[in-house]
N, C-alpha and C. Protein backbone atom coordinates (compact mmCIF):
# COMPACT_ATOMS: atom_id res chain seq x y z
N MET A 1 -3.15 -10.26 -11.63
CA MET A 1 -2.49 -9.63 -12.66
C MET A 1 -1.10 -10.18 -12.53
N SER A 2 -0.86 -9.43 -10.63
CA SER A 2 0.44 -10.07 -10.64
C SER A 2 0.99 -11.10 -11.05
N LYS A 3 -0.09 -12.24 -11.30
CA LYS A 3 0.37 -14.08 -11.55
C LYS A 3 1.18 -13.65 -13.28
N GLN A 4 -0.20 -13.20 -14.40
CA GLN A 4 0.32 -13.09 -15.44
C GLN A 4 1.12 -12.19 -15.77
N LEU A 5 1.86 -11.32 -15.14
CA LEU A 5 2.75 -10.55 -15.48
C LEU A 5 3.95 -11.38 -15.06
N GLY A 6 4.01 -12.16 -14.17
CA GLY A 6 4.94 -12.87 -13.27
C GLY A 6 5.57 -13.94 -14.46
N GLN A 7 3.97 -14.34 -15.32
CA GLN A 7 4.78 -15.58 -16.05
C GLN A 7 4.78 -15.06 -17.52
N ASP A 8 4.27 -13.64 -17.59
CA ASP A 8 4.68 -13.16 -19.16
C ASP A 8 6.47 -12.48 -19.32
N ALA A 9 6.95 -12.72 -18.22
CA ALA A 9 8.29 -12.05 -17.95
C ALA A 9 9.02 -13.36 -17.40
N GLY A 10 8.41 -14.45 -17.47
CA GLY A 10 9.23 -15.45 -17.02
C GLY A 10 9.89 -16.08 -16.00
N ASN A 11 9.13 -15.24 -14.72
CA ASN A 11 9.53 -15.29 -13.34
C ASN A 11 8.40 -14.81 -12.56
N THR A 12 7.77 -15.93 -12.01
CA THR A 12 6.82 -16.36 -11.19
C THR A 12 6.89 -16.06 -9.86
N LYS A 13 8.49 -15.92 -9.23
CA LYS A 13 8.74 -16.09 -7.87
C LYS A 13 8.16 -15.48 -6.85
N TRP A 14 7.89 -14.04 -7.52
CA TRP A 14 7.68 -12.74 -6.02
C TRP A 14 5.71 -13.00 -5.97
N TYR A 15 5.24 -13.06 -7.51
CA TYR A 15 3.84 -14.13 -7.18
C TYR A 15 3.84 -15.00 -6.25
N GLU A 16 4.19 -15.69 -6.56
CA GLU A 16 4.31 -17.38 -5.89
C GLU A 16 4.72 -16.93 -4.23
N MET A 17 6.18 -15.95 -3.89
CA MET A 17 6.05 -15.72 -2.73
C MET A 17 4.93 -15.29 -1.60
N SER A 18 3.97 -13.80 -2.56
CA SER A 18 3.17 -13.54 -2.33
C SER A 18 2.39 -14.90 -1.95
N GLU A 19 1.85 -15.75 -2.63
CA GLU A 19 0.59 -16.42 -2.37
C GLU A 19 1.46 -17.60 -0.64
N ARG A 20 2.55 -17.30 -0.57
CA ARG A 20 2.52 -18.02 0.13
C ARG A 20 2.72 -17.61 1.30
N LEU A 21 2.52 -15.93 1.74
CA LEU A 21 2.24 -15.16 3.06
C LEU A 21 0.84 -15.26 3.04
N ILE A 22 0.44 -15.07 2.59
CA ILE A 22 -0.88 -15.02 2.37
C ILE A 22 -1.94 -15.79 3.42
N PRO A 23 -1.38 -17.23 3.26
CA PRO A 23 -1.79 -17.64 4.71
C PRO A 23 -1.01 -17.54 6.30
N VAL A 24 0.75 -17.30 6.50
CA VAL A 24 0.68 -17.03 6.98
C VAL A 24 0.65 -15.67 8.37
N VAL A 25 0.00 -15.05 7.06
CA VAL A 25 -0.51 -13.57 7.61
C VAL A 25 -1.85 -13.58 8.22
N LYS A 26 -2.48 -14.48 7.67
CA LYS A 26 -4.03 -15.39 7.91
C LYS A 26 -3.68 -16.08 9.06
N GLU A 27 -2.83 -16.55 9.38
CA GLU A 27 -2.29 -17.86 10.18
C GLU A 27 -1.74 -16.67 11.82
N THR A 28 -1.02 -15.80 11.63
CA THR A 28 -0.59 -14.97 12.12
C THR A 28 -0.89 -13.91 13.29
N LYS A 29 -1.67 -12.80 11.83
CA LYS A 29 -2.32 -11.86 12.24
C LYS A 29 -4.50 -12.05 12.24
N GLY A 30 -4.63 -12.83 11.66
CA GLY A 30 -5.86 -13.04 11.58
C GLY A 30 -6.69 -12.29 10.24
N LYS A 31 -5.72 -11.60 9.41
CA LYS A 31 -5.31 -10.74 8.27
C LYS A 31 -5.97 -11.59 6.65
N ASP A 32 -6.54 -11.10 6.54
CA ASP A 32 -6.95 -11.86 4.90
C ASP A 32 -6.59 -10.66 3.64
N PRO A 33 -5.70 -10.67 2.47
CA PRO A 33 -5.40 -9.61 1.74
C PRO A 33 -5.65 -8.38 1.37
N ASN A 34 -5.80 -7.45 1.32
CA ASN A 34 -6.37 -6.48 1.16
C ASN A 34 -6.12 -5.84 -0.75
N VAL A 35 -6.84 -5.14 -1.12
CA VAL A 35 -6.77 -5.46 -3.05
C VAL A 35 -5.64 -4.60 -3.29
N ASP A 36 -4.50 -4.05 -2.41
CA ASP A 36 -3.35 -4.15 -2.46
C ASP A 36 -2.15 -4.64 -2.63
N PHE A 37 -2.86 -5.60 -1.47
CA PHE A 37 -1.92 -7.11 -1.46
C PHE A 37 -0.62 -7.46 -2.33
N PHE A 38 -1.52 -7.91 -3.97
CA PHE A 38 -0.23 -7.83 -5.29
C PHE A 38 0.37 -7.14 -5.61
N SER A 39 -0.07 -5.79 -4.64
CA SER A 39 0.34 -4.05 -6.07
C SER A 39 2.13 -4.72 -5.79
N ALA A 40 2.63 -4.85 -4.80
CA ALA A 40 4.03 -5.11 -5.06
C ALA A 40 4.79 -6.01 -5.60
N SER A 41 4.33 -7.59 -5.74
CA SER A 41 4.62 -8.38 -6.84
C SER A 41 4.87 -7.97 -7.97
N ALA A 42 3.63 -7.44 -8.47
CA ALA A 42 3.23 -6.83 -9.89
C ALA A 42 3.98 -5.69 -10.09
N TYR A 43 4.01 -4.29 -9.11
CA TYR A 43 5.83 -3.31 -9.57
C TYR A 43 6.89 -3.91 -9.24
N TYR A 44 7.09 -5.26 -8.51
CA TYR A 44 8.34 -5.26 -8.70
C TYR A 44 8.83 -6.11 -9.93
N THR A 45 7.47 -6.94 -10.58
CA THR A 45 8.07 -8.03 -11.81
C THR A 45 8.13 -6.77 -12.59
N MET A 46 7.51 -5.73 -13.08
CA MET A 46 7.90 -5.15 -13.75
C MET A 46 8.36 -3.55 -13.73
N GLY A 47 9.76 -4.37 -12.48
CA GLY A 47 10.96 -3.05 -12.67
C GLY A 47 10.22 -1.92 -12.08
N ILE A 48 9.60 -1.87 -11.66
CA ILE A 48 9.29 -0.16 -10.59
C ILE A 48 10.20 -0.06 -9.57
N PRO A 49 10.97 1.02 -8.96
CA PRO A 49 11.95 1.07 -8.32
C PRO A 49 11.34 0.82 -6.75
N LEU A 50 11.42 0.79 -6.02
CA LEU A 50 11.24 0.15 -4.32
C LEU A 50 10.61 1.38 -3.83
N ASP A 51 11.37 3.12 -4.14
CA ASP A 51 11.25 3.69 -3.74
C ASP A 51 10.22 4.68 -4.56
N LEU A 52 9.81 4.00 -5.28
CA LEU A 52 7.55 4.32 -5.79
C LEU A 52 6.59 4.03 -5.48
N PHE A 53 6.62 2.75 -4.54
CA PHE A 53 5.64 1.92 -4.54
C PHE A 53 4.39 2.48 -3.51
N THR A 54 4.89 3.42 -2.90
CA THR A 54 4.45 4.67 -1.60
C THR A 54 3.76 5.27 -2.74
N PRO A 55 4.78 6.14 -3.24
CA PRO A 55 3.97 7.50 -4.56
C PRO A 55 2.57 6.74 -5.03
N ILE A 56 2.80 5.17 -5.76
CA ILE A 56 1.68 5.08 -6.69
C ILE A 56 0.36 4.55 -5.84
N PHE A 57 0.85 4.12 -4.90
CA PHE A 57 -0.25 4.11 -3.51
C PHE A 57 -0.92 5.21 -3.44
N ALA A 58 -0.86 6.39 -3.11
CA ALA A 58 -0.91 7.56 -2.55
C ALA A 58 -1.64 8.29 -3.94
N VAL A 59 -0.84 8.42 -4.99
CA VAL A 59 -1.40 8.83 -6.66
C VAL A 59 -2.99 7.76 -6.85
N ALA A 60 -2.99 6.67 -6.44
CA ALA A 60 -4.17 6.21 -6.59
C ALA A 60 -5.24 6.32 -6.15
N ARG A 61 -5.21 7.14 -4.39
CA ARG A 61 -6.15 7.47 -3.89
C ARG A 61 -6.24 8.97 -4.21
N ILE A 62 -5.82 9.75 -4.02
CA ILE A 62 -5.57 11.19 -4.15
C ILE A 62 -6.77 11.80 -5.10
N ALA A 63 -7.67 11.04 -5.26
CA ALA A 63 -9.32 11.36 -6.11
C ALA A 63 -10.28 10.97 -4.35
N GLY A 64 -10.35 9.99 -4.08
CA GLY A 64 -10.83 9.58 -3.18
C GLY A 64 -10.88 10.39 -1.98
N TRP A 65 -9.18 10.56 -1.62
CA TRP A 65 -8.88 11.65 -0.40
C TRP A 65 -9.78 12.71 -0.61
N THR A 66 -9.44 13.64 -1.71
CA THR A 66 -9.69 15.10 -2.63
C THR A 66 -11.50 14.83 -1.80
N ALA A 67 -12.34 13.58 -2.17
CA ALA A 67 -13.69 13.44 -2.40
C ALA A 67 -14.08 13.95 -0.59
N HIS A 68 -13.56 13.11 0.61
CA HIS A 68 -13.84 12.99 1.98
C HIS A 68 -12.92 14.74 2.28
N ILE A 69 -12.24 15.05 2.06
CA ILE A 69 -11.87 16.66 2.01
C ILE A 69 -13.12 17.47 1.44
N MET A 70 -13.36 17.43 0.57
CA MET A 70 -14.47 18.48 0.15
C MET A 70 -15.94 18.09 0.96
N GLU A 71 -16.37 16.73 1.30
CA GLU A 71 -17.39 16.23 1.62
C GLU A 71 -17.12 16.89 3.82
N GLN A 72 -16.35 16.41 4.30
CA GLN A 72 -15.83 17.27 4.87
C GLN A 72 -16.12 18.92 5.29
N HIS A 73 -15.58 19.85 4.58
CA HIS A 73 -15.73 20.64 4.75
C HIS A 73 -17.56 21.55 4.20
N ARG A 74 -17.83 20.33 3.48
CA ARG A 74 -19.84 20.51 3.05
C ARG A 74 -20.30 20.30 3.90
N ASN A 75 -20.11 19.56 4.87
CA ASN A 75 -20.83 18.81 6.21
C ASN A 75 -20.36 20.21 7.94
N ASN A 76 -19.01 21.09 7.12
CA ASN A 76 -18.41 21.51 8.21
C ASN A 76 -17.80 20.82 9.73
N ARG A 77 -18.08 19.29 9.57
CA ARG A 77 -17.11 18.47 10.32
C ARG A 77 -16.20 17.60 10.09
N ILE A 78 -15.25 17.43 10.42
CA ILE A 78 -14.02 16.41 10.07
C ILE A 78 -14.63 15.03 10.66
N ILE A 79 -13.94 14.18 9.70
CA ILE A 79 -14.84 12.58 9.58
C ILE A 79 -13.26 12.07 10.49
N ARG A 80 -13.75 11.89 11.48
CA ARG A 80 -12.46 10.93 12.56
C ARG A 80 -12.49 9.80 12.63
N PRO A 81 -11.59 9.04 12.33
CA PRO A 81 -11.07 7.53 11.17
C PRO A 81 -11.70 6.80 13.09
N THR A 82 -11.88 5.60 13.20
CA THR A 82 -12.00 5.43 14.73
C THR A 82 -10.81 4.47 15.05
N ASP A 83 -9.73 4.43 14.16
CA ASP A 83 -8.87 3.52 14.83
C ASP A 83 -7.52 4.20 15.37
N GLU A 84 -7.01 3.97 16.87
CA GLU A 84 -6.65 5.15 17.29
C GLU A 84 -4.58 4.59 16.69
N TYR A 85 -3.88 5.64 17.08
CA TYR A 85 -2.54 5.28 16.39
C TYR A 85 -1.48 4.99 17.35
N THR A 86 -0.72 3.95 16.89
CA THR A 86 0.01 3.69 18.14
C THR A 86 1.09 2.99 17.97
N GLY A 87 1.97 4.41 16.65
CA GLY A 87 3.43 4.10 16.22
C GLY A 87 4.13 5.09 17.13
N PRO A 88 5.61 5.27 16.39
CA PRO A 88 6.07 6.16 17.58
C PRO A 88 5.75 7.69 17.58
N GLN A 89 5.84 8.13 18.61
CA GLN A 89 5.79 9.66 18.51
C GLN A 89 7.05 10.20 18.76
N GLY A 90 6.67 12.31 18.47
CA GLY A 90 7.95 12.69 18.77
C GLY A 90 8.82 12.73 17.36
N LEU A 91 8.52 11.84 16.86
CA LEU A 91 9.89 11.80 15.48
C LEU A 91 10.24 13.42 14.83
N THR A 92 11.71 13.26 14.18
CA THR A 92 11.92 14.04 13.30
C THR A 92 11.87 14.04 12.23
N VAL A 93 11.83 14.67 10.85
CA VAL A 93 11.52 14.46 10.16
C VAL A 93 13.00 14.97 9.17
N VAL A 94 13.84 14.06 8.92
CA VAL A 94 14.90 14.46 7.98
C VAL A 94 14.89 14.41 6.41
N PRO A 95 15.37 15.75 6.03
CA PRO A 95 15.61 15.97 4.89
C PRO A 95 16.13 14.86 3.86
N ILE A 96 15.59 15.06 2.73
CA ILE A 96 16.16 13.62 1.69
C ILE A 96 17.47 14.30 1.90
N GLU A 97 17.63 15.23 0.93
CA GLU A 97 18.87 15.53 0.75
C GLU A 97 20.10 15.99 2.07
N LYS A 98 19.52 15.70 3.32
CA LYS A 98 21.00 15.39 4.57
C LYS A 98 20.68 13.93 4.83
N ARG A 99 20.09 13.37 4.08
CA ARG A 99 20.30 11.48 4.20
C ARG A 99 21.80 10.74 3.71
């Protein structure tokens, strides 16, 4: 889809950049691209503002997240991920209107 959108728009720059990143990420991180990898280049080509990329990602998953919550409530147990969060701790949220 990203490639086709780029071709239709007459600008495949973002698709080509994504393609060039795949072997770099594979070599440095040992990871293959996931289903969302080309979304950024497709969204950018369509003129979608960068600030909307994450909300679009989230909206597309709300049904699945809701299904997980319903399953957890039905079985009366929390499904815990096997990953461990290693990001920053103790951060504060700054309201958008104060940025």
